[in-house]
Amino acid sequence: MDRRNFLTWIAAASAIGLFPSMLPAAADTLKARNVVLVHGLFADGSSWSEVIARLQSAGMTATAVQNPLNTLQDAVAETRRVLAEQDGPTVLVGHSFSGVLVSETGLDPKVTALVYVAARAPDAGEDYSALAKRFPTPPASAGIVFDGEIGRLTEEAFLRDFAGNVPRERARVLYAVQQPFHRALTAEKTTQAAWHSKPSFYAVSTQDRTIDPDLERFMAKRMKAHTIELQSSHLSLVSHSKEIAALILQAAAA
């Protein structure tokens, strides 16, 4: 690697406040300059705001997908539309439910690496609900309420079980922009699993009350992902934005 690339990486590392243990990764050549971030259930694209700011400071181009959360087909189509707009190699990142979209769309030739943030990571055709039943039921499940086929989290469950370690003022703002989802969405299955062939990274939330942490560990191990563990609620992209941005930068060098 030439001196210019090294200095660029050091500047990027400093911009997002990388701690010393992350600096060796920052010395690698950056292979992707674009990041596409997809939100999951109970959220919208603004949930990535803190991560986006850090990635932009590091010189990355970051775009958040507004996941429609109605059908898997529509969510995949929107993710692919945003991927098509990227100019060159791209890291694809999914939080929570949208790990499904990362798995389904990650074979796009522009995608160089996949990042799962406390995310579902089903195999192709796998029944995720059946897989999840092998682990304890997370407390947030009891806080989902439906109006017909449209579901959302109650405010109590959102603040306690979804955004547990996010400052209350910030968590209440996130609750206010919660995107409702269609019941059928969570039962649909993927047709492919990009993690079989693309470098994969996973951030486990050890205090997660929305997806069981041991289920996250199982999925990360199964995909042979480079894995970090954060003492975080499900919303590590908010409470630990520095660490999530650092993981994405590692993926950008993969």
Protein backbone atom coordinates (compact mmCIF):
# COMPACT_ATOMS: atom_id res chain seq x y z
CA MET A 1 0.00 0.00 0.00
CA ASP A 2 1.37 3.43 -0.90
CA ARG A 3 1.86 6.30 1.54
CA ARG A 4 -1.17 8.24 0.23
CA ASN A 5 -3.56 5.35 0.96
CA PHE A 6 -2.08 4.90 4.42
CA LEU A 7 -2.51 8.57 5.29
CA THR A 8 -6.07 8.52 3.93
CA TRP A 9 -6.89 5.63 6.21
CA ILE A 10 -5.34 7.27 9.26
CA ALA A 11 -7.41 10.40 8.56
CA ALA A 12 -10.56 8.29 8.24
CA ALA A 13 -9.81 6.47 11.47
CA SER A 14 -9.29 9.74 13.29
CA ALA A 15 -12.47 11.23 11.84
CA ILE A 16 -14.73 8.61 13.38
CA GLY A 17 -12.76 8.31 16.60
CA LEU A 18 -11.43 4.80 16.10
CA PHE A 19 -9.77 3.38 19.18
CA PRO A 20 -6.19 2.03 18.89
CA SER A 21 -7.25 -1.61 18.49
CA MET A 22 -9.03 -0.70 15.25
CA LEU A 23 -6.11 1.14 13.65
CA PRO A 24 -4.51 -1.95 12.05
CA ALA A 25 -7.70 -2.44 10.01
CA ALA A 26 -7.51 1.20 8.94
CA ALA A 27 -4.09 0.57 7.40
CA ASP A 28 -5.63 -1.68 4.71
CA THR A 29 -6.53 -0.39 1.26
CA LEU A 30 -10.09 0.88 1.08
CA LYS A 31 -11.87 -1.22 -1.55
CA ALA A 32 -15.39 0.23 -1.24
CA ARG A 33 -16.30 3.90 -0.91
CA ASN A 34 -20.07 3.42 -0.80
CA VAL A 35 -22.30 2.10 1.98
CA VAL A 36 -25.99 1.20 1.69
CA LEU A 37 -27.79 0.88 5.04
CA VAL A 38 -31.16 -0.82 5.46
CA HIS A 39 -33.35 -0.44 8.55
CA GLY A 40 -35.51 -3.17 10.06
CA LEU A 41 -38.87 -3.34 11.78
CA PHE A 42 -40.02 -0.59 14.19
CA ALA A 43 -37.73 1.98 12.52
CA ASP A 44 -37.08 4.11 9.47
CA GLY A 45 -33.95 5.31 7.68
CA SER A 46 -33.24 7.97 10.31
CA SER A 47 -32.12 5.24 12.72
CA TRP A 48 -28.80 5.25 10.82
CA SER A 49 -28.18 8.99 11.34
CA GLU A 50 -25.32 8.67 13.83
CA VAL A 51 -23.56 5.99 11.77
CA ILE A 52 -24.01 7.98 8.56
CA ALA A 53 -22.40 11.07 10.09
CA ARG A 54 -19.35 9.04 11.16
CA LEU A 55 -19.02 7.36 7.75
CA GLN A 56 -19.28 10.69 5.96
CA SER A 57 -16.55 12.07 8.21
CA ALA A 58 -14.40 9.14 7.11
CA GLY A 59 -14.94 10.00 3.44
CA MET A 60 -17.56 7.36 2.67
CA THR A 61 -20.74 7.88 0.64
CA ALA A 62 -23.61 6.54 2.74
CA THR A 63 -27.23 6.02 1.65
CA ALA A 64 -30.10 4.81 3.83
CA VAL A 65 -32.84 2.74 2.21
CA GLN A 66 -36.39 3.62 3.23
CA ASN A 67 -37.59 0.04 3.68
CA PRO A 68 -41.35 -0.07 2.91
CA LEU A 69 -41.88 -2.97 5.35
CA ASN A 70 -44.90 -4.26 3.45
CA THR A 71 -43.77 -7.24 1.35
CA LEU A 72 -40.40 -8.90 0.90
CA GLN A 73 -40.67 -8.31 -2.84
CA ASP A 74 -41.11 -4.55 -2.40
CA ALA A 75 -38.36 -4.31 0.24
CA VAL A 76 -35.95 -6.21 -2.02
CA ALA A 77 -36.88 -4.01 -4.98
CA GLU A 78 -36.20 -0.80 -3.01
CA THR A 79 -32.86 -2.12 -1.78
CA ARG A 80 -31.85 -3.09 -5.30
CA ARG A 81 -32.92 0.33 -6.60
CA VAL A 82 -30.59 2.05 -4.15
CA LEU A 83 -27.76 -0.38 -4.91
CA ALA A 84 -28.15 0.39 -8.62
CA GLU A 85 -27.55 4.08 -7.89
CA GLN A 86 -24.16 3.44 -6.26
CA ASP A 87 -21.04 4.38 -8.17
CA GLY A 88 -18.69 1.48 -7.65
CA PRO A 89 -17.97 -1.08 -4.90
CA THR A 90 -20.43 -0.96 -2.03
CA VAL A 91 -20.81 -2.36 1.48
CA LEU A 92 -24.37 -3.51 2.23
CA VAL A 93 -25.49 -3.18 5.86
CA GLY A 94 -28.68 -4.40 7.50
CA HIS A 95 -30.11 -3.98 10.98
CA SER A 96 -32.55 -6.41 12.58
CA PHE A 97 -35.11 -7.75 10.06
CA SER A 98 -33.17 -6.23 7.16
CA GLY A 99 -30.46 -8.81 7.52
CA VAL A 100 -32.94 -10.75 5.37
CA LEU A 101 -32.56 -8.10 2.65
CA VAL A 102 -28.77 -8.18 2.92
CA SER A 103 -28.86 -11.95 2.40
CA GLU A 104 -31.31 -11.68 -0.51
CA THR A 105 -29.73 -8.78 -2.42
CA GLY A 106 -26.07 -9.10 -1.42
CA LEU A 107 -25.10 -11.09 -4.54
CA ASP A 108 -25.32 -7.84 -6.50
CA PRO A 109 -21.91 -7.52 -8.23
CA LYS A 110 -21.39 -4.06 -6.72
CA VAL A 111 -21.56 -5.48 -3.19
CA THR A 112 -18.11 -6.33 -1.84
CA ALA A 113 -19.03 -7.13 1.78
CA LEU A 114 -22.03 -7.63 4.04
CA VAL A 115 -22.57 -6.23 7.54
CA TYR A 116 -25.26 -7.55 9.89
CA VAL A 117 -26.12 -5.41 12.91
CA ALA A 118 -28.08 -7.49 15.46
CA ALA A 119 -29.72 -8.87 12.34
CA ARG A 120 -31.56 -11.85 10.99
CA ALA A 121 -29.38 -13.95 8.71
CA PRO A 122 -31.46 -16.81 7.32
CA ASP A 123 -30.16 -19.36 4.87
CA ALA A 124 -31.86 -19.59 1.49
CA GLY A 125 -35.40 -20.88 1.94
CA GLU A 126 -35.01 -21.19 5.69
CA ASP A 127 -37.96 -20.68 8.03
CA TYR A 128 -36.55 -17.98 10.31
CA SER A 129 -39.42 -18.30 12.79
CA ALA A 130 -38.65 -22.01 13.25
CA LEU A 131 -34.98 -21.20 13.76
CA ALA A 132 -35.80 -18.50 16.33
CA LYS A 133 -37.96 -20.93 18.31
CA ARG A 134 -34.82 -22.88 19.18
CA PHE A 135 -33.83 -19.94 21.38
CA PRO A 136 -35.62 -18.05 24.20
CA THR A 137 -38.44 -15.76 23.07
CA PRO A 138 -37.19 -12.15 23.34
CA PRO A 139 -39.27 -9.81 25.55
CA ALA A 140 -40.02 -7.36 22.72
CA SER A 141 -42.24 -9.94 21.04
CA ALA A 142 -44.89 -9.40 23.72
CA GLY A 143 -44.97 -5.67 22.93
CA ILE A 144 -46.02 -6.01 19.28
CA VAL A 145 -49.61 -4.88 18.67
CA PHE A 146 -51.63 -5.23 15.46
CA ASP A 147 -54.34 -3.14 13.86
CA GLY A 148 -55.59 -5.65 11.33
CA GLU A 149 -52.48 -6.75 9.44
CA ILE A 150 -50.38 -3.73 10.45
CA GLY A 151 -48.02 -4.16 13.42
CA ARG A 152 -45.91 -1.90 15.59
CA LEU A 153 -44.27 -1.83 19.04
CA THR A 154 -45.97 -0.15 21.98
CA GLU A 155 -44.10 2.81 23.40
CA GLU A 156 -43.32 0.90 26.60
CA ALA A 157 -41.83 -2.03 24.70
CA PHE A 158 -39.97 0.28 22.31
CA LEU A 159 -38.25 2.19 25.10
CA ARG A 160 -37.56 -0.86 27.28
CA ASP A 161 -36.96 -3.75 24.87
CA PHE A 162 -35.93 -2.17 21.55
CA ALA A 163 -33.97 0.93 22.55
CA GLY A 164 -33.08 -0.06 26.10
CA ASN A 165 -29.71 1.68 26.42
CA VAL A 166 -30.46 4.66 24.18
CA PRO A 167 -30.99 7.95 26.09
CA ARG A 168 -34.72 8.29 26.72
CA GLU A 169 -35.06 11.59 24.83
CA ARG A 170 -33.44 10.09 21.73
CA ALA A 171 -35.42 6.84 22.08
CA ARG A 172 -38.71 8.76 22.18
CA VAL A 173 -37.80 10.54 18.95
CA LEU A 174 -37.08 7.18 17.33
CA TYR A 175 -40.40 5.85 18.60
CA ALA A 176 -42.14 8.82 16.97
CA VAL A 177 -40.79 7.84 13.52
CA GLN A 178 -41.46 4.12 13.95
CA GLN A 179 -42.52 2.61 10.62
CA PRO A 180 -45.40 0.08 10.88
CA PHE A 181 -44.96 -3.29 9.19
CA HIS A 182 -47.25 -5.82 7.50
CA ARG A 183 -47.71 -9.09 9.38
CA ALA A 184 -47.03 -11.26 6.31
CA LEU A 185 -43.59 -9.70 5.81
CA THR A 186 -42.02 -11.62 8.67
CA ALA A 187 -43.19 -14.99 7.33
CA GLU A 188 -41.69 -14.64 3.84
CA LYS A 189 -38.56 -16.60 2.97
CA THR A 190 -35.44 -15.63 1.09
CA THR A 191 -34.35 -17.40 -2.09
CA GLN A 192 -30.61 -16.90 -1.57
CA ALA A 193 -28.07 -16.23 1.15
CA ALA A 194 -25.29 -13.95 -0.04
CA TRP A 195 -23.21 -14.64 3.08
CA HIS A 196 -22.18 -17.99 1.57
CA SER A 197 -20.03 -16.17 -0.97
CA LYS A 198 -19.41 -12.59 0.27
CA PRO A 199 -17.18 -11.47 3.20
CA SER A 200 -19.50 -11.05 6.16
CA PHE A 201 -19.33 -9.06 9.39
CA TYR A 202 -21.67 -9.26 12.39
CA ALA A 203 -22.28 -7.06 15.44
CA VAL A 204 -23.92 -8.99 18.29
CA SER A 205 -25.88 -6.98 20.87
CA THR A 206 -25.29 -8.77 24.17
CA GLN A 207 -28.20 -7.03 25.95
CA ASP A 208 -30.65 -7.50 23.09
CA ARG A 209 -34.31 -7.95 24.06
CA THR A 210 -35.59 -8.02 20.45
CA ILE A 211 -33.48 -10.86 18.99
CA ASP A 212 -31.95 -13.33 21.43
CA PRO A 213 -28.17 -12.71 21.66
CA ASP A 214 -27.40 -16.42 21.40
CA LEU A 215 -29.40 -16.60 18.18
CA GLU A 216 -27.30 -13.71 16.86
CA ARG A 217 -24.14 -15.58 17.86
CA PHE A 218 -25.40 -18.74 16.16
CA MET A 219 -26.10 -16.94 12.88
CA ALA A 220 -22.77 -15.10 12.97
CA LYS A 221 -20.86 -18.33 13.60
CA ARG A 222 -22.76 -20.19 10.90
CA MET A 223 -21.84 -17.62 8.27
CA LYS A 224 -18.23 -17.52 9.51
CA ALA A 225 -18.56 -13.77 9.95
CA HIS A 226 -15.99 -11.51 11.50
CA THR A 227 -17.87 -10.85 14.73
CA ILE A 228 -17.81 -8.20 17.43
CA GLU A 229 -19.91 -8.12 20.59
CA LEU A 230 -21.28 -4.88 22.01
CA GLN A 231 -22.87 -4.37 25.41
CA SER A 232 -25.92 -2.88 23.78
CA SER A 233 -29.65 -3.13 23.32
CA HIS A 234 -31.02 -3.96 19.88
CA LEU A 235 -30.26 -0.41 18.68
CA SER A 236 -26.47 -0.63 18.71
CA LEU A 237 -26.42 1.48 15.55
CA VAL A 238 -27.57 4.36 17.79
CA SER A 239 -25.95 3.62 21.15
CA HIS A 240 -22.66 2.34 19.67
CA SER A 241 -22.47 4.22 16.38
CA LYS A 242 -18.67 4.57 16.62
CA GLU A 243 -18.16 0.82 16.84
CA ILE A 244 -20.69 0.09 14.09
CA ALA A 245 -19.04 2.64 11.78
CA ALA A 246 -15.66 1.07 12.53
CA LEU A 247 -16.99 -2.38 11.63
CA ILE A 248 -18.35 -1.01 8.37
CA LEU A 249 -14.96 0.50 7.55
CA GLN A 250 -13.38 -2.90 8.18
CA ALA A 251 -15.87 -4.38 5.75
CA ALA A 252 -15.01 -1.66 3.23
CA ALA A 253 -11.43 -2.91 3.30
CA ALA A 254 -12.45 -6.57 2.81
